[in-house]
Amino acid sequence: MASTETAKRRRVSEKASRFTESVIREMTREALKHGAVNLSQGFPDFPAPANLKRAAQEAIADDVNQYAITWGAKDFREAIAEKTKWYLGLDVDPEAEITVTCGSTEGMIAAMMATVDPGEEVVVFEPFYE
């Protein structure tokens, strides 16, 4: 962890100077060091479905290589809305009620920043995701 003086020299914020390494990264390194099973990361233990592999290959061949809009591609959000209806029986608007994030941490922080004001408290129960 960097000191305040180090933070001033590097021109980073006081808050950023207190950031530490991700516990996932730390535990991954320890698992590798000791030859242990790594339970800190999500490692899929199943092959990707054939139709997903084909779709990825087609996207690569068709040069589909641009970033999607930041809240998720429209057809992807519509597919999520359809699955939500099928799986949970809920009608959700893919334009106003679904946002795609780059992982659970981004989703959690976005939700908290949108709903929690400075000075309010958030209770997070254990076990929790980093």
Protein backbone atom coordinates (compact mmCIF):
# COMPACT_ATOMS: atom_id res chain seq x y z
CA MET A 1 0.00 0.00 0.00
CA ALA A 2 1.39 3.39 -0.97
CA SER A 3 1.86 6.17 1.57
CA THR A 4 0.28 9.60 1.17
CA GLU A 5 3.70 11.01 0.23
CA THR A 6 4.12 8.35 -2.45
CA ALA A 7 0.62 9.15 -3.72
CA LYS A 8 1.52 12.84 -4.03
CA ARG A 9 4.67 12.02 -6.00
CA ARG A 10 2.74 9.76 -8.36
CA ARG A 11 -0.18 12.20 -8.55
CA VAL A 12 -2.87 9.69 -7.65
CA SER A 13 -5.77 10.36 -5.33
CA GLU A 14 -5.61 9.51 -1.63
CA LYS A 15 -8.35 6.95 -2.20
CA ALA A 16 -6.49 5.31 -5.10
CA SER A 17 -3.31 5.19 -3.04
CA ARG A 18 -5.10 2.87 -0.57
CA PHE A 19 -6.09 0.31 -3.20
CA THR A 20 -4.62 -3.12 -2.65
CA GLU A 21 -4.25 -6.14 -4.87
CA SER A 22 -7.36 -8.13 -5.68
CA VAL A 23 -7.83 -11.06 -3.31
CA ILE A 24 -8.57 -13.17 -6.40
CA ARG A 25 -5.18 -12.37 -7.88
CA GLU A 26 -3.48 -13.01 -4.53
CA MET A 27 -5.19 -16.39 -4.02
CA THR A 28 -4.49 -17.43 -7.62
CA ARG A 29 -0.81 -16.73 -7.09
CA GLU A 30 -0.83 -18.71 -3.81
CA ALA A 31 -2.63 -21.65 -5.44
CA LEU A 32 -0.05 -21.74 -8.25
CA LYS A 33 2.81 -21.45 -5.76
CA HIS A 34 1.58 -24.41 -3.68
CA GLY A 35 0.07 -26.52 -6.45
CA ALA A 36 -3.35 -26.16 -4.81
CA VAL A 37 -6.80 -26.16 -6.34
CA ASN A 38 -7.72 -22.54 -7.06
CA LEU A 39 -11.17 -21.82 -5.65
CA SER A 40 -10.85 -18.05 -5.98
CA GLN A 41 -11.60 -17.74 -9.70
CA GLY A 42 -14.43 -18.97 -11.81
CA PHE A 43 -12.98 -21.68 -14.01
CA PRO A 44 -15.62 -23.18 -16.30
CA ASP A 45 -15.40 -26.96 -16.14
CA PHE A 46 -17.52 -27.61 -19.20
CA PRO A 47 -16.99 -27.13 -22.93
CA ALA A 48 -18.69 -24.24 -24.70
CA PRO A 49 -21.79 -25.37 -26.63
CA ALA A 50 -21.15 -26.07 -30.32
CA ASN A 51 -23.60 -23.35 -31.47
CA LEU A 52 -21.73 -20.78 -29.36
CA LYS A 53 -18.41 -21.84 -30.86
CA ARG A 54 -19.89 -21.55 -34.38
CA ALA A 55 -21.33 -18.11 -33.64
CA ALA A 56 -17.94 -16.92 -32.34
CA GLN A 57 -16.19 -18.28 -35.44
CA GLU A 58 -18.74 -16.57 -37.71
CA ALA A 59 -18.34 -13.26 -35.87
CA ILE A 60 -14.57 -13.45 -36.30
CA ALA A 61 -14.88 -14.36 -39.99
CA ASP A 62 -17.40 -11.52 -40.53
CA ASP A 63 -15.09 -9.00 -38.84
CA VAL A 64 -17.56 -8.25 -36.07
CA ASN A 65 -14.89 -6.56 -34.01
CA GLN A 66 -16.29 -3.24 -32.80
CA TYR A 67 -17.30 -2.41 -29.26
CA ALA A 68 -21.00 -2.72 -28.55
CA ILE A 69 -22.86 0.19 -26.99
CA THR A 70 -21.90 0.56 -23.34
CA TRP A 71 -25.20 -0.72 -21.94
CA GLY A 72 -25.18 -3.85 -24.14
CA ALA A 73 -26.15 -4.66 -27.71
CA LYS A 74 -29.90 -4.38 -28.36
CA ASP A 75 -30.33 -7.99 -29.53
CA PHE A 76 -28.46 -9.22 -26.44
CA ARG A 77 -30.65 -7.16 -24.08
CA GLU A 78 -33.75 -8.43 -25.91
CA ALA A 79 -32.56 -12.02 -25.48
CA ILE A 80 -32.05 -11.36 -21.75
CA ALA A 81 -35.60 -9.94 -21.53
CA GLU A 82 -36.99 -13.02 -23.30
CA LYS A 83 -35.13 -15.39 -20.96
CA THR A 84 -36.27 -13.36 -17.93
CA LYS A 85 -39.88 -13.73 -19.11
CA TRP A 86 -39.46 -17.47 -19.75
CA TYR A 87 -37.46 -18.23 -16.59
CA LEU A 88 -38.98 -15.84 -14.02
CA GLY A 89 -42.28 -14.86 -15.62
CA LEU A 90 -41.28 -11.19 -15.49
CA ASP A 91 -41.87 -8.69 -18.27
CA VAL A 92 -38.87 -6.37 -18.44
CA ASP A 93 -38.15 -3.60 -20.92
CA PRO A 94 -34.78 -4.27 -22.59
CA GLU A 95 -34.48 -0.55 -23.41
CA ALA A 96 -35.10 0.79 -19.90
CA GLU A 97 -34.62 -2.06 -17.43
CA ILE A 98 -31.63 -4.09 -18.64
CA THR A 99 -28.02 -2.98 -18.65
CA VAL A 100 -25.15 -5.28 -19.55
CA THR A 101 -21.96 -4.88 -17.52
CA CYS A 102 -18.45 -6.28 -17.79
CA GLY A 103 -18.83 -8.54 -14.77
CA SER A 104 -20.54 -8.62 -11.40
CA THR A 105 -18.28 -6.05 -9.74
CA GLU A 106 -19.17 -3.41 -12.35
CA GLY A 107 -22.85 -4.26 -11.96
CA MET A 108 -22.72 -4.04 -8.16
CA ILE A 109 -20.89 -0.70 -8.09
CA ALA A 110 -23.16 0.77 -10.77
CA ALA A 111 -26.26 -0.29 -8.82
CA MET A 112 -24.89 1.12 -5.57
CA MET A 113 -23.77 4.39 -7.15
CA ALA A 114 -27.23 4.80 -8.68
CA THR A 115 -29.14 4.15 -5.46
CA VAL A 116 -26.94 5.02 -2.46
CA ASP A 117 -26.13 8.58 -1.43
CA PRO A 118 -22.99 9.73 0.42
CA GLY A 119 -23.32 9.02 4.13
CA GLU A 120 -25.79 6.16 3.67
CA GLU A 121 -24.75 2.66 4.64
CA VAL A 122 -24.87 -0.58 2.71
CA VAL A 123 -24.96 -3.93 4.51
CA VAL A 124 -23.23 -6.71 2.60
CA PHE A 125 -23.68 -10.21 3.96
CA GLU A 126 -20.92 -12.83 3.87
CA PRO A 127 -20.01 -14.73 1.89
CA PHE A 128 -19.78 -12.04 -0.73
CA TYR A 129 -18.07 -11.46 -4.01
CA GLU A 130 -14.93 -9.34 -3.78
